[in-house]
C-alpha atoms as a PDB file:
ATOM      1  CA  PHE A   1      28.929  -9.966  -2.419  1.00  0.00           C
ATOM      2  CA  TYR A   2      28.711  -6.514  -0.811  1.00  0.00           C
ATOM      3  CA  GLY A   3      32.485  -6.237  -0.595  1.00  0.00           C
ATOM      4  CA  ARG A   4      34.548  -7.257  -3.601  1.00  0.00           C
ATOM      5  CA  ILE A   5      31.665  -7.990  -5.988  1.00  0.00           C
ATOM      6  CA  GLN A   6      29.219  -5.090  -5.583  1.00  0.00           C
ATOM      7  CA  MET A   7      31.154  -2.273  -3.944  1.00  0.00           C
ATOM      8  CA  ARG A   8      34.614  -3.441  -5.064  1.00  0.00           C
ATOM      9  CA  LEU A   9      36.013  -3.032  -1.550  1.00  0.00           C
ATOM     10  CA  ASP A  10      37.899  -5.299   0.834  1.00  0.00           C
ATOM     11  CA  ILE A  11      36.083  -5.784   4.148  1.00  0.00           C
ATOM     12  CA  THR A  12      37.945  -6.617   7.371  1.00  0.00           C
ATOM     13  CA  PRO A  13      35.799  -7.211  10.490  1.00  0.00           C
ATOM     14  CA  ARG A  14      37.251  -6.263  13.858  1.00  0.00           C
ATOM     15  CA  ALA A  15      38.825  -9.307  15.496  1.00  0.00           C
ATOM     16  CA  ASP A  16      37.171  -8.659  18.870  1.00  0.00           C
ATOM     17  CA  THR A  17      33.621  -8.379  17.493  1.00  0.00           C
ATOM     18  CA  PRO A  18      31.408 -11.119  15.998  1.00  0.00           C
ATOM     19  CA  LEU A  19      30.733 -10.560  12.305  1.00  0.00           C
ATOM     20  CA  LYS A  20      27.262  -9.232  11.545  1.00  0.00           C
ATOM     21  CA  PHE A  21      26.230  -8.164   8.051  1.00  0.00           C
ATOM     22  CA  SER A  22      22.621  -7.654   7.019  1.00  0.00           C
ATOM     23  CA  ALA A  23      21.823  -5.507   3.984  1.00  0.00           C
ATOM     24  CA  ARG A  24      19.446  -4.925   1.109  1.00  0.00           C
ATOM     25  CA  THR A  25      20.110  -3.102  -2.154  1.00  0.00           C
ATOM     26  CA  LEU A  26      17.814  -1.128  -4.434  1.00  0.00           C
ATOM     27  CA  ILE A  27      19.046  -1.109  -8.050  1.00  0.00           C
ATOM     28  CA  LEU A  28      18.350   2.138  -9.934  1.00  0.00           C
ATOM     29  CA  PRO A  29      19.521   3.424 -13.334  1.00  0.00           C
ATOM     30  CA  GLU A  30      23.193   4.452 -13.072  1.00  0.00           C
ATOM     31  CA  MET A  31      23.242   3.914  -9.306  1.00  0.00           C
ATOM     32  CA  ASN A  32      22.389   1.571  -6.461  1.00  0.00           C
ATOM     33  CA  LEU A  33      21.279   2.248  -2.913  1.00  0.00           C
ATOM     34  CA  THR A  34      22.085  -0.037   0.018  1.00  0.00           C
ATOM     35  CA  LYS A  35      20.932   0.006   3.643  1.00  0.00           C
ATOM     36  CA  GLY A  36      22.414  -2.323   6.213  1.00  0.00           C
ATOM     37  CA  ASN A  37      23.167  -3.239   9.789  1.00  0.00           C
ATOM     38  CA  VAL A  38      26.778  -4.373  10.200  1.00  0.00           C
ATOM     39  CA  SER A  39      29.386  -4.944  12.891  1.00  0.00           C
ATOM     40  CA  PRO A  40      32.419  -2.625  13.252  1.00  0.00           C
ATOM     41  CA  MET A  41      34.819  -3.151  10.361  1.00  0.00           C
ATOM     42  CA  VAL A  42      37.298  -1.578   7.949  1.00  0.00           C
ATOM     43  CA  TRP A  43      36.431  -1.000   4.291  1.00  0.00           C
ATOM     44  CA  GLU A  44      39.401  -0.618   1.948  1.00  0.00           C
ATOM     45  CA  ARG A  45      39.815   0.338  -1.692  1.00  0.00           C
ATOM     46  CA  ASN A  46      43.348  -0.761  -2.608  1.00  0.00           C
ATOM     47  CA  SER A  47      45.551  -0.662  -5.699  1.00  0.00           C
ATOM     48  CA  GLY A  48      44.638  -4.209  -6.692  1.00  0.00           C
ATOM     49  CA  LEU A  49      40.925  -3.453  -6.737  1.00  0.00           C
ATOM     50  CA  MET A  50      41.492  -0.157  -8.557  1.00  0.00           C
ATOM     51  CA  ALA A  51      42.720  -2.127 -11.570  1.00  0.00           C
ATOM     52  CA  ASP A  52      39.034  -2.515 -12.506  1.00  0.00           C
ATOM     53  CA  GLY A  53      39.003   1.109 -13.721  1.00  0.00           C
ATOM     54  CA  ASN A  54      35.801   1.858 -11.813  1.00  0.00           C
ATOM     55  CA  ASP A  55      35.444   5.596 -11.142  1.00  0.00           C
ATOM     56  CA  ASP A  56      32.032   5.516  -9.425  1.00  0.00           C
ATOM     57  CA  ILE A  57      31.473   7.644  -6.325  1.00  0.00           C
ATOM     58  CA  ILE A  58      30.096   6.230  -3.076  1.00  0.00           C
ATOM     59  CA  LEU A  59      28.258   8.349  -0.522  1.00  0.00           C
ATOM     60  CA  SER A  60      28.061   6.486   2.767  1.00  0.00           C
ATOM     61  CA  TRP A  61      26.222   7.406   5.968  1.00  0.00           C
ATOM     62  CA  ASN A  62      26.728   5.613   9.253  1.00  0.00           C
ATOM     63  CA  LYS A  63      25.150   5.856  12.704  1.00  0.00           C
ATOM     64  CA  GLY A  64      28.473   6.361  14.449  1.00  0.00           C
ATOM     65  CA  GLY A  65      30.330   8.269  11.731  1.00  0.00           C
ATOM     66  CA  TYR A  66      33.551   7.271   9.979  1.00  0.00           C
ATOM     67  CA  ARG A  67      37.284   7.698  10.337  1.00  0.00           C
ATOM     68  CA  PHE A  68      39.076   7.379   7.025  1.00  0.00           C
ATOM     69  CA  THR A  69      42.416   7.880   5.330  1.00  0.00           C
ATOM     70  CA  MET A  70      42.785   8.847   1.688  1.00  0.00           C
ATOM     71  CA  PRO A  71      46.433   8.884   0.478  1.00  0.00           C
ATOM     72  CA  GLY A  72      47.230  12.180  -1.159  1.00  0.00           C
ATOM     73  CA  ARG A  73      44.344  13.966   0.531  1.00  0.00           C
ATOM     74  CA  GLY A  74      44.799  13.232   4.241  1.00  0.00           C
ATOM     75  CA  ASP A  75      42.837  11.902   7.209  1.00  0.00           C
ATOM     76  CA  PHE A  76      39.169  12.715   7.692  1.00  0.00           C
ATOM     77  CA  SER A  77      36.268  11.949   9.987  1.00  0.00           C
ATOM     78  CA  THR A  78      32.525  12.396   9.756  1.00  0.00           C
ATOM     79  CA  ASP A  79      30.080  13.131  12.545  1.00  0.00           C
ATOM     80  CA  PRO A  80      27.483  10.482  13.380  1.00  0.00           C
ATOM     81  CA  GLY A  81      24.887  10.262  10.644  1.00  0.00           C
ATOM     82  CA  THR A  82      26.761  12.390   8.111  1.00  0.00           C
ATOM     83  CA  ALA A  83      28.141  11.310   4.748  1.00  0.00           C
ATOM     84  CA  ALA A  84      31.593  10.275   3.596  1.00  0.00           C
ATOM     85  CA  ILE A  85      32.373  10.885  -0.095  1.00  0.00           C
ATOM     86  CA  LEU A  86      34.414   7.944  -1.357  1.00  0.00           C
ATOM     87  CA  PRO A  87      35.592   8.103  -4.999  1.00  0.00           C
ATOM     88  CA  MET A  88      36.375   4.684  -6.440  1.00  0.00           C
ATOM     89  CA  ASP A  89      39.344   5.980  -8.447  1.00  0.00           C
ATOM     90  CA  ARG A  90      41.293   6.662  -5.223  1.00  0.00           C
ATOM     91  CA  ARG A  91      42.777   4.467  -2.522  1.00  0.00           C
ATOM     92  CA  TYR A  92      41.226   4.805   0.913  1.00  0.00           C
ATOM     93  CA  SER A  93      40.620   2.989   4.171  1.00  0.00           C
ATOM     94  CA  VAL A  94      37.427   3.606   6.144  1.00  0.00           C
ATOM     95  CA  ALA A  95      36.775   2.460   9.717  1.00  0.00           C
ATOM     96  CA  SER A  96      33.386   2.345  11.431  1.00  0.00           C
ATOM     97  CA  GLU A  97      32.683   1.768  15.116  1.00  0.00           C
ATOM     98  CA  ASP A  98      28.885   1.872  15.260  1.00  0.00           C
ATOM     99  CA  SER A  99      26.998   0.692  12.178  1.00  0.00           C
ATOM    100  CA  GLN A 100      23.647  -0.210  13.709  1.00  0.00           C
ATOM    101  CA  TRP A 101      22.429   1.425  10.551  1.00  0.00           C
ATOM    102  CA  THR A 102      24.411   2.369   7.469  1.00  0.00           C
ATOM    103  CA  MET A 103      23.310   3.607   4.054  1.00  0.00           C
ATOM    104  CA  ALA A 104      25.381   3.891   0.883  1.00  0.00           C
ATOM    105  CA  LEU A 105      24.619   5.355  -2.531  1.00  0.00           C
ATOM    106  CA  GLN A 106      26.965   4.285  -5.332  1.00  0.00           C
ATOM    107  CA  PHE A 107      26.536   6.261  -8.550  1.00  0.00           C
ATOM    108  CA  LYS A 108      28.249   6.892 -11.872  1.00  0.00           C
ATOM    109  CA  ARG A 109      30.658   9.823 -11.820  1.00  0.00           C
ATOM    110  CA  SER A 110      29.426  10.780 -15.293  1.00  0.00           C
ATOM    111  CA  LEU A 111      26.097  11.860 -13.763  1.00  0.00           C
ATOM    112  CA  LEU A 112      27.725  14.802 -11.966  1.00  0.00           C
ATOM    113  CA  VAL A 113      30.603  15.730 -14.276  1.00  0.00           C
ATOM    114  CA  PRO A 114      28.455  18.067 -16.438  1.00  0.00           C
ATOM    115  CA  LEU A 115      26.709  19.529 -13.383  1.00  0.00           C
ATOM    116  CA  VAL A 116      29.467  20.076 -10.804  1.00  0.00           C
ATOM    117  CA  LYS A 117      32.629  22.045 -11.528  1.00  0.00           C
ATOM    118  CA  ASN A 118      35.848  20.740  -9.990  1.00  0.00           C
ATOM    119  CA  LEU A 119      34.120  17.596  -8.757  1.00  0.00           C
ATOM    120  CA  ASP A 120      37.424  16.071  -7.653  1.00  0.00           C
ATOM    121  CA  ASP A 121      38.073  19.027  -5.341  1.00  0.00           C
ATOM    122  CA  VAL A 122      35.017  18.406  -3.148  1.00  0.00           C
ATOM    123  CA  ARG A 123      36.188  17.489   0.352  1.00  0.00           C
ATOM    124  CA  PRO A 124      35.405  13.882   1.338  1.00  0.00           C
ATOM    125  CA  ASP A 125      33.749  15.074   4.564  1.00  0.00           C
ATOM    126  CA  SER A 126      31.808  18.039   3.152  1.00  0.00           C
ATOM    127  CA  LEU A 127      28.280  16.572   3.099  1.00  0.00           C
ATOM    128  CA  GLY A 128      26.888  17.058   6.586  1.00  0.00           C
ATOM    129  CA  ARG A 129      23.296  17.218   7.817  1.00  0.00           C
ATOM    130  CA  THR A 130      23.066  20.934   8.585  1.00  0.00           C
ATOM    131  CA  LEU A 131      22.421  22.260   5.069  1.00  0.00           C
ATOM    132  CA  PRO A 132      18.875  21.801   3.720  1.00  0.00           C
ATOM    133  CA  ALA A 133      20.110  20.170   0.493  1.00  0.00           C
ATOM    134  CA  HIS A 134      22.059  17.550   2.429  1.00  0.00           C
ATOM    135  CA  ARG A 135      19.061  16.740   4.640  1.00  0.00           C
ATOM    136  CA  LEU A 136      16.818  16.493   1.587  1.00  0.00           C
ATOM    137  CA  LEU A 137      19.203  14.052  -0.078  1.00  0.00           C
ATOM    138  CA  PHE A 138      19.430  11.815   2.986  1.00  0.00           C
ATOM    139  CA  ASP A 139      15.689  11.868   3.694  1.00  0.00           C
ATOM    140  CA  TYR A 140      14.789  11.133   0.069  1.00  0.00           C
ATOM    141  CA  LEU A 141      17.154   8.163  -0.121  1.00  0.00           C
ATOM    142  CA  TRP A 142      15.936   6.841   3.232  1.00  0.00           C
ATOM    143  CA  SER A 143      12.307   7.109   2.118  1.00  0.00           C
ATOM    144  CA  LEU A 144      13.013   5.111  -1.060  1.00  0.00           C
ATOM    145  CA  LEU A 145      14.208   2.226   1.083  1.00  0.00           C
ATOM    146  CA  HIS A 146      10.981   2.217   3.074  1.00  0.00           C
ATOM    147  CA  ILE A 147       8.292   2.298   0.376  1.00  0.00           C
ATOM    148  CA  GLU A 148       6.646  -0.662  -1.306  1.00  0.00           C
ATOM    149  CA  GLU A 149       7.780  -1.572  -4.835  1.00  0.00           C
ATOM    150  CA  PRO A 150      10.259   1.318  -5.276  1.00  0.00           C
ATOM    151  CA  GLU A 151      11.465  -0.352  -8.484  1.00  0.00           C
ATOM    152  CA  THR A 152       8.400   1.003 -10.303  1.00  0.00           C
ATOM    153  CA  LEU A 153       9.702   4.506  -9.617  1.00  0.00           C
ATOM    154  CA  ALA A 154      13.310   3.714 -10.541  1.00  0.00           C
ATOM    155  CA  PRO A 155      13.840   6.010 -13.583  1.00  0.00           C
ATOM    156  CA  LEU A 156      12.119   8.965 -11.904  1.00  0.00           C
ATOM    157  CA  ALA A 157      13.883   8.362  -8.583  1.00  0.00           C
ATOM    158  CA  SER A 158      17.260   8.233 -10.324  1.00  0.00           C
ATOM    159  CA  ARG A 159      16.654  11.620 -11.956  1.00  0.00           C
ATOM    160  CA  HIS A 160      15.540  13.118  -8.656  1.00  0.00           C
ATOM    161  CA  ILE A 161      18.622  11.767  -6.874  1.00  0.00           C
ATOM    162  CA  THR A 162      20.887  13.223  -9.564  1.00  0.00           C
ATOM    163  CA  ASP A 163      19.344  16.670  -9.007  1.00  0.00           C
ATOM    164  CA  LEU A 164      19.798  16.350  -5.246  1.00  0.00           C
ATOM    165  CA  LEU A 165      23.402  15.231  -5.672  1.00  0.00           C
ATOM    166  CA  ALA A 166      24.139  18.208  -7.912  1.00  0.00           C
ATOM    167  CA  VAL A 167      22.700  20.624  -5.357  1.00  0.00           C
ATOM    168  CA  SER A 168      24.491  18.900  -2.465  1.00  0.00           C
ATOM    169  CA  PHE A 169      27.824  18.971  -4.298  1.00  0.00           C
ATOM    170  CA  GLY A 170      27.373  22.643  -5.161  1.00  0.00           C
ATOM    171  CA  GLY A 171      26.542  22.228  -8.836  1.00  0.00           C
ATOM    172  CA  MET A 172      23.257  24.130  -8.755  1.00  0.00           C
ATOM    173  CA  GLU A 173      21.405  26.251  -6.266  1.00  0.00           C
ATOM    174  CA  ALA A 174      18.508  24.753  -4.334  1.00  0.00           C
ATOM    175  CA  HIS A 175      16.428  27.887  -4.947  1.00  0.00           C
ATOM    176  CA  THR A 176      16.272  26.997  -8.659  1.00  0.00           C
ATOM    177  CA  HIS A 177      13.934  24.155  -7.593  1.00  0.00           C
ATOM    178  CA  PRO A 178      15.116  21.336  -9.881  1.00  0.00           C
ATOM    179  CA  PRO A 179      12.630  18.416 -10.011  1.00  0.00           C
ATOM    180  CA  GLY A 180      14.613  16.245  -7.600  1.00  0.00           C
ATOM    181  CA  VAL A 181      14.655  18.959  -4.948  1.00  0.00           C
ATOM    182  CA  ARG A 182      10.920  19.560  -5.353  1.00  0.00           C
ATOM    183  CA  ALA A 183      10.193  15.831  -5.063  1.00  0.00           C
ATOM    184  CA  ALA A 184      12.376  15.448  -1.965  1.00  0.00           C
ATOM    185  CA  ARG A 185      10.829  18.484  -0.280  1.00  0.00           C
ATOM    186  CA  LEU A 186       7.344  17.238  -1.015  1.00  0.00           C
ATOM    187  CA  ALA A 187       8.199  13.789   0.366  1.00  0.00           C
ATOM    188  CA  ALA A 188       9.630  15.350   3.544  1.00  0.00           C
ATOM    189  CA  ILE A 189       6.551  17.545   3.968  1.00  0.00           C
ATOM    190  CA  LYS A 190       4.259  14.533   3.566  1.00  0.00           C
ATOM    191  CA  GLN A 191       6.233  12.665   6.226  1.00  0.00           C
ATOM    192  CA  HIS A 192       5.820  15.645   8.561  1.00  0.00           C
ATOM    193  CA  ILE A 193       2.079  15.727   7.870  1.00  0.00           C
ATOM    194  CA  ALA A 194       1.750  11.993   8.573  1.00  0.00           C
ATOM    195  CA  ARG A 195       3.476  12.439  11.944  1.00  0.00           C
ATOM    196  CA  ASN A 196       1.380  15.458  12.919  1.00  0.00           C
ATOM    197  CA  LEU A 197      -2.178  14.711  11.782  1.00  0.00           C
ATOM    198  CA  THR A 198      -3.477  15.300  15.311  1.00  0.00           C
ATOM    199  CA  ASP A 199      -1.763  18.691  15.636  1.00  0.00           C
ATOM    200  CA  PRO A 200      -4.410  21.453  15.416  1.00  0.00           C
ATOM    201  CA  GLY A 201      -1.674  23.838  14.308  1.00  0.00           C
ATOM    202  CA  LEU A 202      -0.831  21.828  11.189  1.00  0.00           C
ATOM    203  CA  ASN A 203      -1.131  24.310   8.337  1.00  0.00           C
ATOM    204  CA  ALA A 204       0.883  25.785   5.473  1.00  0.00           C
ATOM    205  CA  GLY A 205       2.414  28.358   7.809  1.00  0.00           C
ATOM    206  CA  GLN A 206       3.770  25.661  10.111  1.00  0.00           C
ATOM    207  CA  ILE A 207       5.244  23.811   7.119  1.00  0.00           C
ATOM    208  CA  SER A 208       6.769  27.052   5.848  1.00  0.00           C
ATOM    209  CA  ARG A 209       8.541  27.676   9.155  1.00  0.00           C
ATOM    210  CA  LYS A 210       9.593  24.047   9.602  1.00  0.00           C
ATOM    211  CA  PHE A 211      11.219  23.705   6.179  1.00  0.00           C
ATOM    212  CA  GLY A 212      12.367  27.282   5.590  1.00  0.00           C
ATOM    213  CA  ILE A 213      10.288  27.819   2.451  1.00  0.00           C
ATOM    214  CA  SER A 214       7.430  30.179   1.633  1.00  0.00           C
ATOM    215  CA  GLU A 215       3.774  29.265   2.097  1.00  0.00           C
ATOM    216  CA  ARG A 216       3.297  29.978  -1.595  1.00  0.00           C
ATOM    217  CA  TYR A 217       5.936  27.396  -2.484  1.00  0.00           C
ATOM    218  CA  VAL A 218       4.296  24.852  -0.162  1.00  0.00           C
ATOM    219  CA  ARG A 219       1.044  25.287  -2.058  1.00  0.00           C
ATOM    220  CA  GLN A 220       2.835  25.103  -5.417  1.00  0.00           C
ATOM    221  CA  LEU A 221       4.331  21.733  -4.471  1.00  0.00           C
ATOM    222  CA  PHE A 222       0.888  20.243  -3.896  1.00  0.00           C
ATOM    223  CA  ALA A 223      -0.599  22.006  -6.909  1.00  0.00           C
ATOM    224  CA  GLY A 224       2.004  20.187  -8.992  1.00  0.00           C
ATOM    225  CA  GLU A 225       0.314  16.938  -7.926  1.00  0.00           C
ATOM    226  CA  GLY A 226      -3.125  18.172  -8.892  1.00  0.00           C
ATOM    227  CA  THR A 227      -4.277  18.866  -5.352  1.00  0.00           C
ATOM    228  CA  SER A 228      -3.952  21.512  -2.661  1.00  0.00           C
ATOM    229  CA  PHE A 229      -2.240  21.488   0.707  1.00  0.00           C
ATOM    230  CA  SER A 230      -5.574  21.644   2.540  1.00  0.00           C
ATOM    231  CA  ASP A 231      -7.148  18.874   0.459  1.00  0.00           C
ATOM    232  CA  TYR A 232      -4.122  16.628   0.969  1.00  0.00           C
ATOM    233  CA  VAL A 233      -4.137  17.092   4.751  1.00  0.00           C
ATOM    234  CA  ASN A 234      -7.896  16.575   4.854  1.00  0.00           C
ATOM    235  CA  GLY A 235      -7.560  13.367   2.830  1.00  0.00           C
ATOM    236  CA  GLU A 236      -4.857  12.030   5.137  1.00  0.00           C
ATOM    237  CA  ARG A 237      -6.998  12.793   8.174  1.00  0.00           C
ATOM    238  CA  LEU A 238      -9.962  10.989   6.621  1.00  0.00           C
ATOM    239  CA  ALA A 239      -7.680   8.034   5.877  1.00  0.00           C
ATOM    240  CA  TYR A 240      -6.569   8.044   9.517  1.00  0.00           C
ATOM    241  CA  VAL A 241     -10.174   7.908  10.716  1.00  0.00           C
ATOM    242  CA  HIS A 242     -10.949   5.113   8.250  1.00  0.00           C
ATOM    243  CA  SER A 243      -7.963   3.091   9.479  1.00  0.00           C
ATOM    244  CA  CYS A 244      -9.179   3.460  13.063  1.00  0.00           C
ATOM    245  CA  LEU A 245     -12.711   2.402  12.139  1.00  0.00           C
ATOM    246  CA  THR A 246     -11.442  -0.752  10.413  1.00  0.00           C
ATOM    247  CA  ASP A 247      -9.237  -1.686  13.363  1.00  0.00           C
ATOM    248  CA  ARG A 248     -11.068  -4.146  15.628  1.00  0.00           C
ATOM    249  CA  ARG A 249      -8.857  -3.087  18.520  1.00  0.00           C
ATOM    250  CA  GLN A 250     -10.541   0.325  18.424  1.00  0.00           C
ATOM    251  CA  LEU A 251     -14.180  -0.781  18.285  1.00  0.00           C
ATOM    252  CA  LEU A 252     -14.956   0.789  21.654  1.00  0.00           C
ATOM    253  CA  ARG A 253     -13.776   4.249  20.605  1.00  0.00           C
ATOM    254  CA  ARG A 254     -16.526   6.714  19.713  1.00  0.00           C
ATOM    255  CA  ILE A 255     -16.504   7.810  16.077  1.00  0.00           C
ATOM    256  CA  ALA A 256     -16.853  11.442  17.130  1.00  0.00           C
ATOM    257  CA  ASP A 257     -13.780  11.160  19.364  1.00  0.00           C
ATOM    258  CA  ILE A 258     -11.669   9.713  16.544  1.00  0.00           C
ATOM    259  CA  ALA A 259     -12.790  12.454  14.162  1.00  0.00           C
ATOM    260  CA  PHE A 260     -12.187  15.173  16.736  1.00  0.00           C
ATOM    261  CA  GLU A 261      -8.676  13.810  17.378  1.00  0.00           C
ATOM    262  CA  VAL A 262      -7.600  14.845  13.879  1.00  0.00           C
ATOM    263  CA  GLY A 263      -9.431  18.151  13.774  1.00  0.00           C
ATOM    264  CA  PHE A 264     -12.912  17.379  12.449  1.00  0.00           C
ATOM    265  CA  ASN A 265     -14.890  19.644  14.762  1.00  0.00           C
ATOM    266  CA  GLU A 266     -18.098  19.809  12.713  1.00  0.00           C
ATOM    267  CA  PRO A 267     -19.804  16.363  12.583  1.00  0.00           C
ATOM    268  CA  SER A 268     -21.985  17.069   9.538  1.00  0.00           C
ATOM    269  CA  THR A 269     -19.004  18.232   7.478  1.00  0.00           C
ATOM    270  CA  PHE A 270     -16.956  15.226   8.562  1.00  0.00           C
ATOM    271  CA  TYR A 271     -19.715  12.719   7.713  1.00  0.00           C
ATOM    272  CA  ARG A 272     -20.288  14.318   4.303  1.00  0.00           C
ATOM    273  CA  GLN A 273     -16.580  14.308   3.389  1.00  0.00           C
ATOM    274  CA  PHE A 274     -16.099  10.763   4.652  1.00  0.00           C
ATOM    275  CA  ARG A 275     -19.031   9.411   2.619  1.00  0.00           C
ATOM    276  CA  LEU A 276     -17.855  11.265  -0.481  1.00  0.00           C
ATOM    277  CA  ARG A 277     -14.410   9.662  -0.172  1.00  0.00           C
ATOM    278  CA  TYR A 278     -15.350   6.106   0.859  1.00  0.00           C
ATOM    279  CA  GLY A 279     -18.876   5.653  -0.499  1.00  0.00           C
ATOM    280  CA  MET A 280     -20.314   4.848   2.925  1.00  0.00           C
ATOM    281  CA  THR A 281     -20.737   6.547   6.265  1.00  0.00           C
ATOM    282  CA  PRO A 282     -18.354   6.105   9.205  1.00  0.00           C
ATOM    283  CA  THR A 283     -21.126   4.201  11.007  1.00  0.00           C
ATOM    284  CA  GLU A 284     -21.433   1.766   8.098  1.00  0.00           C
ATOM    285  CA  VAL A 285     -17.663   1.200   8.023  1.00  0.00           C
ATOM    286  CA  ARG A 286     -17.683   0.534  11.768  1.00  0.00           C
ATOM    287  CA  ALA A 287     -20.579  -1.923  11.345  1.00  0.00           C
ATOM    288  CA  LEU A 288     -18.662  -3.864   8.694  1.00  0.00           C
ATOM    289  CA  THR A 289     -15.685  -4.098  11.045  1.00  0.00           C
ATOM    290  CA  GLU A 290     -17.885  -5.356  13.878  1.00  0.00           C
ATOM    291  CA  GLY A 291     -19.332  -8.033  11.601  1.00  0.00           C
ATOM    292  CA  ARG A 292     -15.986  -9.492  10.569  1.00  0.00           C
END
């Protein structure tokens, strides 16, 4: 299915390695996104398959990178974790050695034609991970594959991805802040917040330095969602405390210690905010957990 039927490619596993192929695909308007874990193999788009007239473009990332040949353009390689640009209207052969994880976005060429000049001149190995736009694209796609019911966001996600593709391919500047770039930046910032809730230095200034954007822009991103940076972080910290209080494995932990862990230094303020959000006090939530 993932070879000749979906991706319209011939797949040849390496003879000295057992075949392993596990994948899932997210179908979006005008594109599909696949993440998998596969054994080393060769992927080939040949003249016979090109008779289908498909001119989609595939962006493929791979843990170990790729080595590939594209007649008429030459031989290329990508560093581990960076993208290969594989147009379906060309012949090519792609070899992978380490595909413990691989991700591929297949999209309609027509999405980028009006946005990117000289699309066919973009080098097949030009999308790395060093430029902010390229990192945003990868992180946004990866996050879509790890959220529940992404299909409900399909039309919006497709538009965001198109914006990110246009920026990554050089069709528009990231500083113009198209919706897809804003959405990807906000998603990346939220991931950073989730990983650093216990960091006392977590503030808009830290985010500004981490992502190379202004503090004002950080606040604008959250204002666009009807909240503020501070309120969002505070809400996530309250949610963290609530999750700890409803976890029976943490019944012996003092409520004050859990709150202090994520920066609630003033007990009265913490208790007031917690009750406002959850309709009961932390002590009451803990009591319900103990009674289960």
